[in-house]
Amino acid sequence: MKWTHSEDIGTALAEKFPGVDPLTIRFTDLRERVLALEDFDDDPKTSNESKLEAIQMAWYEEFKDAQ
C-alpha cells in the first residue's frame, strides 16, 4: 500500500485496531500506525497532512460502520 491508498489503509487500520476511534488519534501517531502496517510500502518522507487526513477519514468510515 502507498500513502494514496487511503481506503485500503483505513480498512487495514480498522482491522488492526478495532474499537479505536480514529478521530482521537493525533496525526503523528496515525503516521506511525500506518508505517507499522505489514502491507505498507511507501516512502515515509512523502506523508503529509492531506494524505493523513484522507486515511483518517477512511478509517473513520470503517469505524462508524462497525458500531
PDB file of N, CA and C in Angstrom:
ATOM      1  N   MET A   1       0.836  -1.182   0.000  1.00  0.00           N
ATOM      2  CA  MET A   1       0.000   0.000   0.000  1.00  0.00           C
ATOM      3  C   MET A   1       0.881   1.246   0.000  1.00  0.00           C
ATOM      4  N   LYS A   2       0.363   2.265  -0.600  1.00  0.00           N
ATOM      5  CA  LYS A   2       1.032   3.569  -0.680  1.00  0.00           C
ATOM      6  C   LYS A   2       0.188   4.598   0.075  1.00  0.00           C
ATOM      7  N   TRP A   3       0.782   5.765   0.339  1.00  0.00           N
ATOM      8  CA  TRP A   3       0.067   6.822   1.065  1.00  0.00           C
ATOM      9  C   TRP A   3      -1.256   7.179   0.395  1.00  0.00           C
ATOM     10  N   THR A   4      -1.324   7.067  -0.915  1.00  0.00           N
ATOM     11  CA  THR A   4      -2.536   7.456  -1.637  1.00  0.00           C
ATOM     12  C   THR A   4      -3.637   6.399  -1.597  1.00  0.00           C
ATOM     13  N   HIS A   5      -3.358   5.245  -1.036  1.00  0.00           N
ATOM     14  CA  HIS A   5      -4.358   4.170  -0.929  1.00  0.00           C
ATOM     15  C   HIS A   5      -5.120   4.302   0.384  1.00  0.00           C
ATOM     16  N   SER A   6      -5.730   5.462   0.593  1.00  0.00           N
ATOM     17  CA  SER A   6      -6.347   5.772   1.886  1.00  0.00           C
ATOM     18  C   SER A   6      -7.422   4.778   2.296  1.00  0.00           C
ATOM     19  N   GLU A   7      -8.243   4.330   1.368  1.00  0.00           N
ATOM     20  CA  GLU A   7      -9.311   3.396   1.728  1.00  0.00           C
ATOM     21  C   GLU A   7      -8.741   2.050   2.175  1.00  0.00           C
ATOM     22  N   ASP A   8      -7.746   1.550   1.472  1.00  0.00           N
ATOM     23  CA  ASP A   8      -7.119   0.285   1.863  1.00  0.00           C
ATOM     24  C   ASP A   8      -6.432   0.412   3.217  1.00  0.00           C
ATOM     25  N   ILE A   9      -5.763   1.528   3.428  1.00  0.00           N
ATOM     26  CA  ILE A   9      -5.082   1.750   4.701  1.00  0.00           C
ATOM     27  C   ILE A   9      -6.113   1.890   5.819  1.00  0.00           C
ATOM     28  N   GLY A  10      -7.186   2.623   5.555  1.00  0.00           N
ATOM     29  CA  GLY A  10      -8.250   2.778   6.549  1.00  0.00           C
ATOM     30  C   GLY A  10      -8.841   1.442   6.964  1.00  0.00           C
ATOM     31  N   THR A  11      -9.060   0.565   6.003  1.00  0.00           N
ATOM     32  CA  THR A  11      -9.579  -0.770   6.303  1.00  0.00           C
ATOM     33  C   THR A  11      -8.580  -1.565   7.130  1.00  0.00           C
ATOM     34  N   ALA A  12      -7.314  -1.515   6.751  1.00  0.00           N
ATOM     35  CA  ALA A  12      -6.277  -2.244   7.483  1.00  0.00           C
ATOM     36  C   ALA A  12      -6.153  -1.741   8.922  1.00  0.00           C
ATOM     37  N   LEU A  13      -6.235  -0.429   9.108  1.00  0.00           N
ATOM     38  CA  LEU A  13      -6.151   0.126  10.461  1.00  0.00           C
ATOM     39  C   LEU A  13      -7.363  -0.269  11.297  1.00  0.00           C
ATOM     40  N   ALA A  14      -8.542  -0.279  10.688  1.00  0.00           N
ATOM     41  CA  ALA A  14      -9.758  -0.677  11.395  1.00  0.00           C
ATOM     42  C   ALA A  14      -9.670  -2.133  11.848  1.00  0.00           C
ATOM     43  N   GLU A  15      -9.068  -2.972  11.023  1.00  0.00           N
ATOM     44  CA  GLU A  15      -8.907  -4.386  11.380  1.00  0.00           C
ATOM     45  C   GLU A  15      -7.843  -4.566  12.462  1.00  0.00           C
ATOM     46  N   LYS A  16      -6.780  -3.791  12.396  1.00  0.00           N
ATOM     47  CA  LYS A  16      -5.688  -3.931  13.351  1.00  0.00           C
ATOM     48  C   LYS A  16      -6.016  -3.294  14.703  1.00  0.00           C
ATOM     49  N   PHE A  17      -6.829  -2.240  14.688  1.00  0.00           N
ATOM     50  CA  PHE A  17      -7.174  -1.511  15.909  1.00  0.00           C
ATOM     51  C   PHE A  17      -8.690  -1.398  16.058  1.00  0.00           C
ATOM     52  N   PRO A  18      -9.372  -2.529  16.243  1.00  0.00           N
ATOM     53  CA  PRO A  18     -10.835  -2.490  16.343  1.00  0.00           C
ATOM     54  C   PRO A  18     -11.271  -1.694  17.579  1.00  0.00           C
ATOM     55  N   GLY A  19     -12.318  -0.918  17.408  1.00  0.00           N
ATOM     56  CA  GLY A  19     -12.859  -0.157  18.524  1.00  0.00           C
ATOM     57  C   GLY A  19     -12.163   1.159  18.795  1.00  0.00           C
ATOM     58  N   VAL A  20     -11.067   1.454  18.093  1.00  0.00           N
ATOM     59  CA  VAL A  20     -10.356   2.712  18.284  1.00  0.00           C
ATOM     60  C   VAL A  20     -10.988   3.773  17.386  1.00  0.00           C
ATOM     61  N   ASP A  21     -11.433   4.863  17.994  1.00  0.00           N
ATOM     62  CA  ASP A  21     -11.995   5.973  17.228  1.00  0.00           C
ATOM     63  C   ASP A  21     -10.835   6.739  16.593  1.00  0.00           C
ATOM     64  N   PRO A  22     -10.717   6.700  15.275  1.00  0.00           N
ATOM     65  CA  PRO A  22      -9.585   7.349  14.615  1.00  0.00           C
ATOM     66  C   PRO A  22      -9.561   8.863  14.797  1.00  0.00           C
ATOM     67  N   LEU A  23     -10.680   9.455  15.155  1.00  0.00           N
ATOM     68  CA  LEU A  23     -10.698  10.898  15.364  1.00  0.00           C
ATOM     69  C   LEU A  23     -10.001  11.293  16.658  1.00  0.00           C
ATOM     70  N   THR A  24      -9.662  10.310  17.491  1.00  0.00           N
ATOM     71  CA  THR A  24      -8.944  10.591  18.737  1.00  0.00           C
ATOM     72  C   THR A  24      -7.435  10.416  18.574  1.00  0.00           C
ATOM     73  N   ILE A  25      -6.990  10.041  17.384  1.00  0.00           N
ATOM     74  CA  ILE A  25      -5.573   9.766  17.127  1.00  0.00           C
ATOM     75  C   ILE A  25      -4.912  11.007  16.511  1.00  0.00           C
ATOM     76  N   ARG A  26      -3.811  11.435  17.084  1.00  0.00           N
ATOM     77  CA  ARG A  26      -3.047  12.547  16.506  1.00  0.00           C
ATOM     78  C   ARG A  26      -2.396  12.091  15.200  1.00  0.00           C
ATOM     79  N   PHE A  27      -2.170  13.019  14.281  1.00  0.00           N
ATOM     80  CA  PHE A  27      -1.573  12.672  13.000  1.00  0.00           C
ATOM     81  C   PHE A  27      -0.189  12.044  13.162  1.00  0.00           C
ATOM     82  N   THR A  28       0.578  12.473  14.155  1.00  0.00           N
ATOM     83  CA  THR A  28       1.897  11.870  14.359  1.00  0.00           C
ATOM     84  C   THR A  28       1.764  10.401  14.728  1.00  0.00           C
ATOM     85  N   ASP A  29       0.768  10.078  15.556  1.00  0.00           N
ATOM     86  CA  ASP A  29       0.535   8.682  15.928  1.00  0.00           C
ATOM     87  C   ASP A  29      -0.072   7.898  14.766  1.00  0.00           C
ATOM     88  N   LEU A  30      -0.953   8.533  14.017  1.00  0.00           N
ATOM     89  CA  LEU A  30      -1.547   7.889  12.844  1.00  0.00           C
ATOM     90  C   LEU A  30      -0.460   7.510  11.847  1.00  0.00           C
ATOM     91  N   ARG A  31       0.461   8.419  11.620  1.00  0.00           N
ATOM     92  CA  ARG A  31       1.556   8.162  10.689  1.00  0.00           C
ATOM     93  C   ARG A  31       2.353   6.937  11.129  1.00  0.00           C
ATOM     94  N   GLU A  32       2.645   6.847  12.412  1.00  0.00           N
ATOM     95  CA  GLU A  32       3.397   5.696  12.933  1.00  0.00           C
ATOM     96  C   GLU A  32       2.614   4.401  12.772  1.00  0.00           C
ATOM     97  N   ARG A  33       1.320   4.445  12.983  1.00  0.00           N
ATOM     98  CA  ARG A  33       0.489   3.241  12.811  1.00  0.00           C
ATOM     99  C   ARG A  33       0.464   2.793  11.350  1.00  0.00           C
ATOM    100  N   VAL A  34       0.394   3.748  10.446  1.00  0.00           N
ATOM    101  CA  VAL A  34       0.412   3.418   9.016  1.00  0.00           C
ATOM    102  C   VAL A  34       1.749   2.778   8.649  1.00  0.00           C
ATOM    103  N   LEU A  35       2.834   3.392   9.090  1.00  0.00           N
ATOM    104  CA  LEU A  35       4.165   2.862   8.770  1.00  0.00           C
ATOM    105  C   LEU A  35       4.363   1.455   9.318  1.00  0.00           C
ATOM    106  N   ALA A  36       3.664   1.119  10.403  1.00  0.00           N
ATOM    107  CA  ALA A  36       3.804  -0.201  11.021  1.00  0.00           C
ATOM    108  C   ALA A  36       2.957  -1.281  10.344  1.00  0.00           C
ATOM    109  N   LEU A  37       2.078  -0.894   9.433  1.00  0.00           N
ATOM    110  CA  LEU A  37       1.256  -1.893   8.738  1.00  0.00           C
ATOM    111  C   LEU A  37       2.137  -2.792   7.882  1.00  0.00           C
ATOM    112  N   GLU A  38       1.869  -4.069   7.946  1.00  0.00           N
ATOM    113  CA  GLU A  38       2.683  -5.055   7.227  1.00  0.00           C
ATOM    114  C   GLU A  38       2.717  -4.820   5.722  1.00  0.00           C
ATOM    115  N   ASP A  39       1.584  -4.438   5.142  1.00  0.00           N
ATOM    116  CA  ASP A  39       1.490  -4.283   3.690  1.00  0.00           C
ATOM    117  C   ASP A  39       1.825  -2.878   3.203  1.00  0.00           C
ATOM    118  N   PHE A  40       2.206  -1.996   4.117  1.00  0.00           N
ATOM    119  CA  PHE A  40       2.529  -0.631   3.709  1.00  0.00           C
ATOM    120  C   PHE A  40       3.953  -0.578   3.179  1.00  0.00           C
ATOM    121  N   ASP A  41       4.094   0.011   1.991  1.00  0.00           N
ATOM    122  CA  ASP A  41       5.408   0.078   1.354  1.00  0.00           C
ATOM    123  C   ASP A  41       5.519   1.380   0.558  1.00  0.00           C
ATOM    124  N   ASP A  42       5.801   2.456   1.281  1.00  0.00           N
ATOM    125  CA  ASP A  42       5.967   3.749   0.624  1.00  0.00           C
ATOM    126  C   ASP A  42       6.996   4.550   1.422  1.00  0.00           C
ATOM    127  N   ASP A  43       7.467   5.607   0.838  1.00  0.00           N
ATOM    128  CA  ASP A  43       8.480   6.452   1.456  1.00  0.00           C
ATOM    129  C   ASP A  43       7.857   7.225   2.623  1.00  0.00           C
ATOM    130  N   PRO A  44       8.333   7.029   3.844  1.00  0.00           N
ATOM    131  CA  PRO A  44       7.787   7.758   4.995  1.00  0.00           C
ATOM    132  C   PRO A  44       7.865   9.274   4.833  1.00  0.00           C
ATOM    133  N   LYS A  45       8.829   9.748   4.078  1.00  0.00           N
ATOM    134  CA  LYS A  45       9.018  11.188   3.899  1.00  0.00           C
ATOM    135  C   LYS A  45       7.942  11.835   3.030  1.00  0.00           C
ATOM    136  N   THR A  46       7.174  11.030   2.306  1.00  0.00           N
ATOM    137  CA  THR A  46       6.172  11.601   1.407  1.00  0.00           C
ATOM    138  C   THR A  46       4.795  11.733   2.046  1.00  0.00           C
ATOM    139  N   SER A  47       4.700  11.433   3.333  1.00  0.00           N
ATOM    140  CA  SER A  47       3.415  11.647   4.004  1.00  0.00           C
ATOM    141  C   SER A  47       3.204  13.141   4.205  1.00  0.00           C
ATOM    142  N   ASN A  48       1.948  13.538   4.252  1.00  0.00           N
ATOM    143  CA  ASN A  48       1.631  14.935   4.551  1.00  0.00           C
ATOM    144  C   ASN A  48       0.248  14.989   5.187  1.00  0.00           C
ATOM    145  N   GLU A  49      -0.135  16.170   5.619  1.00  0.00           N
ATOM    146  CA  GLU A  49      -1.384  16.316   6.354  1.00  0.00           C
ATOM    147  C   GLU A  49      -2.599  15.886   5.531  1.00  0.00           C
ATOM    148  N   SER A  50      -2.632  16.223   4.264  1.00  0.00           N
ATOM    149  CA  SER A  50      -3.806  15.866   3.458  1.00  0.00           C
ATOM    150  C   SER A  50      -3.919  14.350   3.260  1.00  0.00           C
ATOM    151  N   LYS A  51      -2.800  13.673   3.089  1.00  0.00           N
ATOM    152  CA  LYS A  51      -2.826  12.214   2.954  1.00  0.00           C
ATOM    153  C   LYS A  51      -3.261  11.560   4.264  1.00  0.00           C
ATOM    154  N   LEU A  52      -2.747  12.066   5.368  1.00  0.00           N
ATOM    155  CA  LEU A  52      -3.122  11.515   6.672  1.00  0.00           C
ATOM    156  C   LEU A  52      -4.592  11.781   6.989  1.00  0.00           C
ATOM    157  N   GLU A  53      -5.078  12.941   6.598  1.00  0.00           N
ATOM    158  CA  GLU A  53      -6.492  13.247   6.814  1.00  0.00           C
ATOM    159  C   GLU A  53      -7.377  12.300   5.999  1.00  0.00           C
ATOM    160  N   ALA A  54      -7.002  12.019   4.772  1.00  0.00           N
ATOM    161  CA  ALA A  54      -7.770  11.095   3.934  1.00  0.00           C
ATOM    162  C   ALA A  54      -7.775   9.701   4.551  1.00  0.00           C
ATOM    163  N   ILE A  55      -6.641   9.278   5.084  1.00  0.00           N
ATOM    164  CA  ILE A  55      -6.551   7.973   5.737  1.00  0.00           C
ATOM    165  C   ILE A  55      -7.427   7.957   6.991  1.00  0.00           C
ATOM    166  N   GLN A  56      -7.354   9.035   7.775  1.00  0.00           N
ATOM    167  CA  GLN A  56      -8.146   9.118   8.999  1.00  0.00           C
ATOM    168  C   GLN A  56      -9.645   9.031   8.675  1.00  0.00           C
ATOM    169  N   MET A  57     -10.078   9.725   7.632  1.00  0.00           N
ATOM    170  CA  MET A  57     -11.492   9.710   7.266  1.00  0.00           C
ATOM    171  C   MET A  57     -11.918   8.334   6.748  1.00  0.00           C
ATOM    172  N   ALA A  58     -11.052   7.673   5.995  1.00  0.00           N
ATOM    173  CA  ALA A  58     -11.369   6.323   5.516  1.00  0.00           C
ATOM    174  C   ALA A  58     -11.473   5.360   6.698  1.00  0.00           C
ATOM    175  N   TRP A  59     -10.571   5.481   7.650  1.00  0.00           N
ATOM    176  CA  TRP A  59     -10.609   4.651   8.853  1.00  0.00           C
ATOM    177  C   TRP A  59     -11.877   4.962   9.643  1.00  0.00           C
ATOM    178  N   TYR A  60     -12.229   6.239   9.741  1.00  0.00           N
ATOM    179  CA  TYR A  60     -13.427   6.633  10.476  1.00  0.00           C
ATOM    180  C   TYR A  60     -14.683   6.032   9.850  1.00  0.00           C
ATOM    181  N   GLU A  61     -14.749   5.968   8.543  1.00  0.00           N
ATOM    182  CA  GLU A  61     -15.899   5.350   7.866  1.00  0.00           C
ATOM    183  C   GLU A  61     -16.007   3.875   8.270  1.00  0.00           C
ATOM    184  N   GLU A  62     -14.877   3.185   8.316  1.00  0.00           N
ATOM    185  CA  GLU A  62     -14.869   1.783   8.751  1.00  0.00           C
ATOM    186  C   GLU A  62     -15.297   1.679  10.210  1.00  0.00           C
ATOM    187  N   PHE A  63     -14.800   2.583  11.039  1.00  0.00           N
ATOM    188  CA  PHE A  63     -15.134   2.610  12.461  1.00  0.00           C
ATOM    189  C   PHE A  63     -16.634   2.804  12.653  1.00  0.00           C
ATOM    190  N   LYS A  64     -17.228   3.771  11.930  1.00  0.00           N
ATOM    191  CA  LYS A  64     -18.667   4.027  12.039  1.00  0.00           C
ATOM    192  C   LYS A  64     -19.483   2.822  11.625  1.00  0.00           C
ATOM    193  N   ASP A  65     -19.065   2.165  10.541  1.00  0.00           N
ATOM    194  CA  ASP A  65     -19.800   1.002  10.037  1.00  0.00           C
ATOM    195  C   ASP A  65     -19.782  -0.146  11.033  1.00  0.00           C
ATOM    196  N   ALA A  66     -18.735  -0.218  11.843  1.00  0.00           N
ATOM    197  CA  ALA A  66     -18.591  -1.318  12.803  1.00  0.00           C
ATOM    198  C   ALA A  66     -19.387  -1.068  14.093  1.00  0.00           C
ATOM    199  N   GLN A  67     -19.836   0.159  14.281  1.00  0.00           N
ATOM    200  CA  GLN A  67     -20.555   0.489  15.526  1.00  0.00           C
ATOM    201  C   GLN A  67     -21.976   0.025  15.496  1.00  0.00           C
TER     202      GLN A  67
END
